[in-house]
Amino acid sequence: MVTKVGIRDVAKAAGVSVTTVSHALNPAGGTRVKTETREHIRAVAKDLGYAPNRLASGLRNHRSQILGLVSDEITTTPFAGAMIKGAQDAAYERGYVVMVVNSGLDPELESREIRTLQQHQVDGIVFARMYHQGVSLPEELGTVPTVLLDAVTADPSISSVVPDEVAAAETAVEALVKAGHTRIGMLGNVDDIPATHGRLRGYRNALARHGLQFNAELVTSGVADTAGGREAALRLLQRPDRPTALFCFSDRVAMGAYQSAATLGLRIPDDLSVVGTDNLELIAAALWPGLTTVALPHYEMGRWAVTRLLDDIEGPESAAVQEMFSCPLIERGSVGPPPA
C-alpha cells in the first residue's frame, strides 16, 4: 500500500512549519519565503513525491486552476510545439494546467469544445489561431476571461498578442540593405490578412529609410507555399533587370525562390540573396545554404497569452492590452553582397 505524502510530512522533513511549506509551494506566495528556504522546501517535496491538493486549493479560491487553449489548426502545424509549450510553461509556473482543443476550422465543433471546457470549470481561455488574423469571438467566450493568441478582434476589452509584421519585414530588408543590396524584390502573399499588408508596409518603410525608391515591378505575389514562391520568383528573376535580393513572405516561399534560382543557374548567395519569414526550421535550416530568416516568436507569444490571462484572473481588473512582439533575425548563409 502506497502512503500519500502530505504537507505535514514535507514540513517535518524540511524542518519548517506547515505555513512556510504552503507559502513556498504556492506560485503566488513563494516570494514570502527566502529564496534558499523556498528552494530547499521544493527539493524536499520533490524527493518525497509530494503533490499539492489542487482540488482543495481550488475550492478555497473558487478556481479549478485549469486553463483552456482553443485553436483552429495549430496542433497540425510545425509551430504548435513552441506556441503550446510557451503557454504550458507559463501556466505551470503559476500552478495551472492547460487543456488544448483543436476545432479543425469547424465552428460548430469549436462552440462545443468551448462549452465542454466551461463544464470543466476552466478559469480562462486562450483563443489561438494558426496565423495572425482578425476574428469574431464565439458567443460562448462572453462568460469566461479570454486572451487572443496570434489574433485580434474589434472588441477593445479583449487582450491579444500578435507578431509585429511591419517590424519583421523591416528587419529582413535591413539585413539585405546592410549587405549592400539596392535592388530588392519582394515575394508577397495573395491572402487578405494582416501579415500580407504589414510585411509589404515594412518592406516599403525599410526602402524609404535608406533612400531607395519603391518599384512596384519588383513586388509580386502568389500563394504562400513553395509552388507559389517558385512561380513568383521566376517572374522577377527572369527580368533583364532582375533584383539582386529577395525578401520572401514565408520560408516556404523562400524555398520556391531557391528552386527558381537553381533552375536559372543562379547561386545563393553569390548571385542572389534571400531572406525568409517564419524560421520554420524544417525548411530554413535544411536548405543549402541555410536560409537567413525572421523568426516569428511563437513560444514568447504563447507564454505572454497565458501570463496575461492569469494576471486578469488573479489580479485586480485592468485595461486590455494589444501586444505586438518583435521578430528577431536568424542569420544563416543566404545573404551576401550583390554580384559585381
Protein backbone atom coordinates (compact mmCIF):
# COMPACT_ATOMS: atom_id res chain seq x y z
CA MET A 1 0.00 0.00 0.00
CA VAL A 2 1.35 3.42 -1.02
CA THR A 3 1.09 6.11 1.64
CA LYS A 4 0.29 9.54 0.27
CA VAL A 5 2.75 12.22 1.30
CA GLY A 6 1.08 15.22 2.92
CA ILE A 7 2.16 18.79 3.53
CA ARG A 8 2.93 17.97 7.19
CA ASP A 9 5.39 15.29 6.02
CA VAL A 10 7.17 17.86 3.88
CA ALA A 11 7.26 20.36 6.76
CA LYS A 12 8.74 17.75 9.12
CA ALA A 13 11.38 16.63 6.62
CA ALA A 14 12.33 20.21 5.76
CA GLY A 15 12.39 21.34 9.38
CA VAL A 16 9.93 24.19 8.86
CA SER A 17 6.32 24.99 9.63
CA VAL A 18 3.36 23.86 7.56
CA THR A 19 2.61 27.52 6.78
CA THR A 20 6.11 28.04 5.40
CA VAL A 21 5.74 24.97 3.19
CA SER A 22 2.40 26.25 1.94
CA HIS A 23 3.89 29.62 1.00
CA ALA A 24 6.98 28.06 -0.60
CA LEU A 25 4.97 25.71 -2.82
CA ASN A 26 2.37 28.29 -3.80
CA PRO A 27 3.45 30.10 -7.01
CA ALA A 28 1.65 33.23 -5.84
CA GLY A 29 3.04 33.18 -2.33
CA GLY A 30 6.56 31.95 -2.92
CA THR A 31 8.01 35.44 -2.56
CA ARG A 32 7.06 35.44 1.12
CA VAL A 33 9.79 32.86 1.76
CA LYS A 34 13.54 33.41 1.40
CA THR A 35 14.93 32.01 -1.83
CA GLU A 36 17.21 29.49 -0.09
CA THR A 37 14.39 28.20 2.10
CA ARG A 38 11.97 28.03 -0.81
CA GLU A 39 14.38 26.01 -2.95
CA HIS A 40 15.15 23.69 -0.02
CA ILE A 41 11.45 23.03 0.61
CA ARG A 42 10.72 22.40 -3.05
CA ALA A 43 13.64 19.98 -3.28
CA VAL A 44 12.38 18.09 -0.22
CA ALA A 45 8.84 17.99 -1.63
CA LYS A 46 10.14 16.62 -4.91
CA ASP A 47 12.23 13.95 -3.16
CA LEU A 48 9.22 12.85 -1.12
CA GLY A 49 6.94 12.81 -4.16
CA TYR A 50 4.58 15.38 -2.68
CA ALA A 51 1.80 16.65 -4.95
CA PRO A 52 -0.34 19.56 -3.67
CA ASN A 53 -4.08 19.04 -3.49
CA ARG A 54 -5.23 21.31 -6.30
CA LEU A 55 -8.87 20.43 -5.73
CA ALA A 56 -8.77 21.67 -2.15
CA SER A 57 -6.89 24.77 -3.22
CA GLY A 58 -9.42 25.40 -5.97
CA LEU A 59 -12.31 25.08 -3.54
CA ARG A 60 -10.73 27.70 -1.30
CA ASN A 61 -10.18 30.26 -4.03
CA HIS A 62 -13.12 29.24 -6.25
CA ARG A 63 -10.83 28.25 -9.10
CA SER A 64 -10.15 24.97 -10.92
CA GLN A 65 -6.59 26.05 -11.82
CA ILE A 66 -7.25 24.75 -15.32
CA LEU A 67 -7.00 26.89 -18.46
CA GLY A 68 -8.33 26.10 -21.90
CA LEU A 69 -6.49 26.71 -25.17
CA VAL A 70 -8.86 26.69 -28.14
CA SER A 71 -7.18 26.55 -31.54
CA ASP A 72 -8.24 26.27 -35.16
CA GLU A 73 -5.45 24.24 -36.79
CA ILE A 74 -2.47 24.97 -34.56
CA THR A 75 -1.95 21.37 -33.46
CA THR A 76 -1.44 20.34 -37.10
CA THR A 77 1.29 22.92 -37.81
CA PRO A 78 5.06 22.87 -37.17
CA PHE A 79 4.64 25.89 -34.90
CA ALA A 80 2.32 24.10 -32.47
CA GLY A 81 5.05 22.83 -30.18
CA ALA A 82 6.58 26.23 -29.47
CA MET A 83 3.28 28.05 -29.01
CA ILE A 84 1.73 25.41 -26.76
CA LYS A 85 4.97 24.94 -24.80
CA GLY A 86 5.11 28.66 -24.08
CA ALA A 87 1.53 28.53 -22.82
CA GLN A 88 2.12 25.43 -20.72
CA ASP A 89 5.37 26.74 -19.20
CA ALA A 90 3.69 29.96 -18.07
CA ALA A 91 0.72 28.03 -16.67
CA TYR A 92 2.89 25.52 -14.80
CA GLU A 93 4.89 28.25 -13.11
CA ARG A 94 1.66 29.65 -11.67
CA GLY A 95 0.25 26.28 -10.59
CA TYR A 96 -2.14 25.81 -13.53
CA VAL A 97 -2.53 23.25 -16.30
CA VAL A 98 -3.67 23.79 -19.88
CA MET A 99 -6.28 21.75 -21.73
CA VAL A 100 -5.80 22.03 -25.52
CA VAL A 101 -8.60 21.51 -28.03
CA ASN A 102 -8.46 21.88 -31.81
CA SER A 103 -11.51 22.63 -33.97
CA GLY A 104 -10.07 21.96 -37.41
CA LEU A 105 -11.88 25.11 -38.65
CA ASP A 106 -15.29 23.67 -37.74
CA PRO A 107 -17.29 26.44 -35.97
CA GLU A 108 -19.85 24.01 -34.52
CA LEU A 109 -17.12 21.80 -33.10
CA GLU A 110 -15.34 24.87 -31.72
CA SER A 111 -18.50 26.01 -29.89
CA ARG A 112 -18.98 22.54 -28.46
CA GLU A 113 -15.35 22.40 -27.31
CA ILE A 114 -15.68 25.75 -25.54
CA ARG A 115 -18.83 24.57 -23.77
CA THR A 116 -17.00 21.40 -22.72
CA LEU A 117 -14.14 23.43 -21.29
CA GLN A 118 -16.65 25.54 -19.36
CA GLN A 119 -18.22 22.35 -17.99
CA HIS A 120 -14.77 21.50 -16.66
CA GLN A 121 -14.83 24.88 -14.87
CA VAL A 122 -11.78 26.30 -16.63
CA ASP A 123 -10.71 29.62 -15.15
CA GLY A 124 -9.99 31.22 -18.52
CA ILE A 125 -9.41 30.52 -22.20
CA VAL A 126 -6.66 31.37 -24.67
CA PHE A 127 -8.29 31.66 -28.09
CA ALA A 128 -5.50 30.88 -30.57
CA ARG A 129 -5.24 30.97 -34.35
CA MET A 130 -2.77 29.32 -36.70
CA TYR A 131 -1.66 32.67 -38.15
CA HIS A 132 -2.18 36.36 -37.40
CA GLN A 133 -5.74 37.24 -38.36
CA GLY A 134 -8.83 39.18 -37.34
CA VAL A 135 -11.53 37.14 -35.62
CA SER A 136 -15.07 37.39 -34.31
CA LEU A 137 -15.26 35.71 -30.93
CA PRO A 138 -17.73 32.86 -30.38
CA GLU A 139 -20.63 33.85 -28.11
CA GLU A 140 -19.61 31.16 -25.62
CA LEU A 141 -16.49 33.16 -24.70
CA GLY A 142 -18.57 36.02 -23.36
CA THR A 143 -18.77 34.47 -19.90
CA VAL A 144 -15.13 33.49 -19.33
CA PRO A 145 -11.86 35.51 -19.20
CA THR A 146 -10.26 35.32 -22.64
CA VAL A 147 -6.99 36.33 -24.29
CA LEU A 148 -6.31 36.10 -28.03
CA LEU A 149 -3.15 34.41 -29.30
CA ASP A 150 -1.96 35.31 -32.83
CA ALA A 151 -5.28 37.05 -33.48
CA VAL A 152 -7.03 40.37 -32.96
CA THR A 153 -10.66 41.41 -32.60
CA ALA A 154 -12.65 44.63 -32.80
CA ASP A 155 -13.58 44.34 -29.09
CA PRO A 156 -11.13 46.63 -27.22
CA SER A 157 -11.82 44.84 -23.92
CA ILE A 158 -10.05 41.65 -25.09
CA SER A 159 -6.28 41.40 -24.72
CA SER A 160 -4.32 39.97 -27.64
CA VAL A 161 -0.80 39.20 -28.77
CA VAL A 162 0.48 39.07 -32.37
CA PRO A 163 3.83 39.39 -34.15
CA ASP A 164 4.86 42.86 -35.32
CA GLU A 165 4.50 42.19 -39.04
CA VAL A 166 5.74 45.63 -40.13
CA ALA A 167 8.88 45.46 -38.00
CA ALA A 168 9.53 41.86 -39.12
CA ALA A 169 9.71 42.97 -42.76
CA GLU A 170 11.82 45.99 -41.87
CA THR A 171 14.31 43.69 -40.13
CA ALA A 172 14.51 41.40 -43.15
CA VAL A 173 15.02 44.19 -45.67
CA GLU A 174 17.53 45.96 -43.39
CA ALA A 175 19.68 42.82 -43.49
CA LEU A 176 19.72 42.95 -47.29
CA VAL A 177 20.46 46.67 -47.40
CA LYS A 178 23.27 46.20 -44.87
CA ALA A 179 24.80 43.61 -47.21
CA GLY A 180 24.90 46.24 -49.95
CA HIS A 181 21.75 45.49 -51.95
CA THR A 182 19.79 48.33 -53.51
CA ARG A 183 17.60 46.35 -55.92
CA ILE A 184 15.48 44.22 -53.59
CA GLY A 185 12.41 42.31 -54.73
CA MET A 186 9.55 41.05 -52.60
CA LEU A 187 7.64 37.80 -52.99
CA GLY A 188 4.34 38.51 -51.22
CA ASN A 189 1.12 36.69 -50.42
CA VAL A 190 -2.24 36.91 -52.19
CA ASP A 191 -4.27 36.36 -48.99
CA ASP A 192 -6.02 39.37 -47.46
CA ILE A 193 -4.59 39.02 -43.95
CA PRO A 194 -2.68 41.36 -41.59
CA ALA A 195 0.67 39.72 -42.38
CA THR A 196 0.28 40.41 -46.12
CA HIS A 197 -0.34 44.11 -45.62
CA GLY A 198 2.02 44.57 -42.68
CA ARG A 199 5.00 42.95 -44.37
CA LEU A 200 4.52 44.96 -47.56
CA ARG A 201 4.39 48.15 -45.47
CA GLY A 202 7.55 47.14 -43.63
CA TYR A 203 9.31 46.43 -46.94
CA ARG A 204 8.42 49.90 -48.20
CA ASN A 205 9.39 51.53 -44.89
CA ALA A 206 12.85 49.97 -44.96
CA LEU A 207 13.48 51.02 -48.53
CA ALA A 208 12.40 54.59 -47.80
CA ARG A 209 14.58 54.75 -44.69
CA HIS A 210 17.63 54.14 -46.86
CA GLY A 211 16.60 56.42 -49.71
CA LEU A 212 15.70 53.55 -52.05
CA GLN A 213 12.73 54.18 -54.31
CA PHE A 214 9.86 51.72 -54.16
CA ASN A 215 9.36 49.95 -57.51
CA ALA A 216 6.04 48.12 -57.85
CA GLU A 217 7.53 45.99 -60.63
CA LEU A 218 9.82 44.35 -58.08
CA VAL A 219 6.89 43.18 -55.96
CA THR A 220 4.91 40.11 -56.98
CA SER A 221 2.53 37.90 -55.03
CA GLY A 222 1.39 34.31 -55.12
CA VAL A 223 0.09 31.52 -52.94
CA ALA A 224 2.28 31.43 -49.84
CA ASP A 225 3.73 27.98 -50.41
CA THR A 226 6.70 26.51 -52.26
CA ALA A 227 4.99 26.28 -55.65
CA GLY A 228 3.69 29.84 -55.33
CA GLY A 229 7.13 31.08 -54.35
CA ARG A 230 8.72 29.26 -57.27
CA GLU A 231 6.34 30.87 -59.76
CA ALA A 232 6.62 34.34 -58.21
CA ALA A 233 10.42 34.18 -58.11
CA LEU A 234 10.62 33.20 -61.77
CA ARG A 235 8.63 36.30 -62.70
CA LEU A 236 11.24 38.54 -61.07
CA LEU A 237 14.40 36.57 -61.77
CA GLN A 238 13.74 36.28 -65.50
CA ARG A 239 13.64 40.05 -65.87
CA PRO A 240 16.65 41.57 -67.67
CA ASP A 241 16.98 43.95 -64.71
CA ARG A 242 16.38 41.27 -62.10
CA PRO A 243 16.73 42.06 -58.38
CA THR A 244 19.90 41.00 -56.60
CA ALA A 245 17.99 40.07 -53.43
CA LEU A 246 14.55 38.78 -52.46
CA PHE A 247 12.51 39.28 -49.31
CA CYS A 248 10.03 36.39 -49.06
CA PHE A 249 6.67 36.32 -47.27
CA SER A 250 7.48 32.94 -45.72
CA ASP A 251 10.19 30.29 -45.60
CA ARG A 252 8.08 28.07 -47.86
CA VAL A 253 8.01 30.87 -50.43
CA ALA A 254 11.77 31.25 -49.99
CA MET A 255 12.26 27.55 -50.72
CA GLY A 256 10.44 28.10 -54.01
CA ALA A 257 12.78 31.02 -54.71
CA TYR A 258 15.77 28.72 -54.13
CA GLN A 259 14.35 26.29 -56.69
CA SER A 260 13.79 29.01 -59.29
CA ALA A 261 17.30 30.36 -58.75
CA ALA A 262 18.74 26.88 -59.32
CA THR A 263 16.69 26.48 -62.49
CA LEU A 264 18.13 29.74 -63.85
CA GLY A 265 21.68 28.87 -62.82
CA LEU A 266 21.84 31.47 -60.06
CA ARG A 267 23.88 30.66 -56.96
CA ILE A 268 22.79 31.70 -53.46
CA PRO A 269 24.19 33.98 -52.09
CA ASP A 270 26.79 34.69 -54.81
CA ASP A 271 24.24 35.74 -57.45
CA LEU A 272 21.12 36.18 -55.33
CA SER A 273 20.49 36.83 -51.63
CA VAL A 274 17.29 35.57 -50.00
CA VAL A 275 15.63 36.30 -46.65
CA GLY A 276 12.51 34.47 -45.47
CA THR A 277 9.99 34.84 -42.67
CA ASP A 278 8.93 32.29 -40.01
CA ASN A 279 12.15 30.45 -39.09
CA LEU A 280 10.44 27.18 -39.96
CA GLU A 281 13.50 25.07 -39.15
CA LEU A 282 12.30 22.10 -41.22
CA ILE A 283 12.99 24.37 -44.20
CA ALA A 284 15.26 27.21 -43.07
CA ALA A 285 17.94 25.02 -41.50
CA ALA A 286 17.65 22.28 -44.15
CA LEU A 287 18.15 24.45 -47.23
CA TRP A 288 21.67 24.81 -48.56
CA PRO A 289 22.94 27.34 -47.88
CA GLY A 290 20.86 27.78 -44.75
CA LEU A 291 18.12 30.38 -45.05
CA THR A 292 18.51 33.68 -43.22
CA THR A 293 15.02 34.43 -41.92
CA VAL A 294 12.98 36.45 -39.44
CA ALA A 295 11.63 34.27 -36.62
CA LEU A 296 8.01 34.54 -35.52
CA PRO A 297 8.00 34.45 -31.69
CA HIS A 298 5.54 31.58 -31.18
CA TYR A 299 6.91 30.46 -27.81
CA GLU A 300 7.03 34.00 -26.45
CA MET A 301 3.50 34.77 -27.66
CA GLY A 302 2.10 31.59 -26.10
CA ARG A 303 3.80 32.41 -22.83
CA TRP A 304 2.58 36.02 -22.87
CA ALA A 305 -1.02 34.99 -23.59
CA VAL A 306 -1.22 32.71 -20.55
CA THR A 307 0.62 35.15 -18.30
CA ARG A 308 -1.78 37.92 -19.27
CA LEU A 309 -4.79 35.64 -18.80
CA LEU A 310 -3.65 34.64 -15.31
CA ASP A 311 -2.97 38.25 -14.39
CA ASP A 312 -6.55 39.03 -15.39
CA ILE A 313 -7.89 36.09 -13.38
CA GLU A 314 -5.82 36.55 -10.23
CA GLY A 315 -5.25 40.29 -10.13
CA PRO A 316 -7.34 43.44 -9.99
CA GLU A 317 -9.26 44.38 -13.12
CA SER A 318 -7.11 46.29 -15.59
CA ALA A 319 -7.38 47.64 -19.13
CA ALA A 320 -6.92 45.22 -22.01
CA VAL A 321 -3.56 45.13 -23.79
CA GLN A 322 -2.94 44.65 -27.51
CA GLU A 323 0.64 43.40 -27.56
CA MET A 324 2.95 43.08 -30.59
CA PHE A 325 6.13 41.02 -30.33
CA SER A 326 9.33 41.77 -32.20
CA CYS A 327 10.70 39.19 -34.62
CA PRO A 328 14.47 38.54 -34.45
CA LEU A 329 16.68 37.91 -37.47
CA ILE A 330 18.15 34.40 -37.63
CA GLU A 331 21.28 34.62 -39.77
CA ARG A 332 22.40 31.63 -41.80
CA GLY A 333 24.08 31.59 -45.21
CA SER A 334 21.67 33.00 -47.77
CA VAL A 335 22.75 36.67 -47.65
CA GLY A 336 25.87 38.08 -49.24
CA PRO A 337 26.95 41.19 -51.13
CA PRO A 338 25.37 41.85 -54.54
CA PRO A 339 27.20 40.39 -57.55
CA ALA A 340 29.76 42.69 -59.15
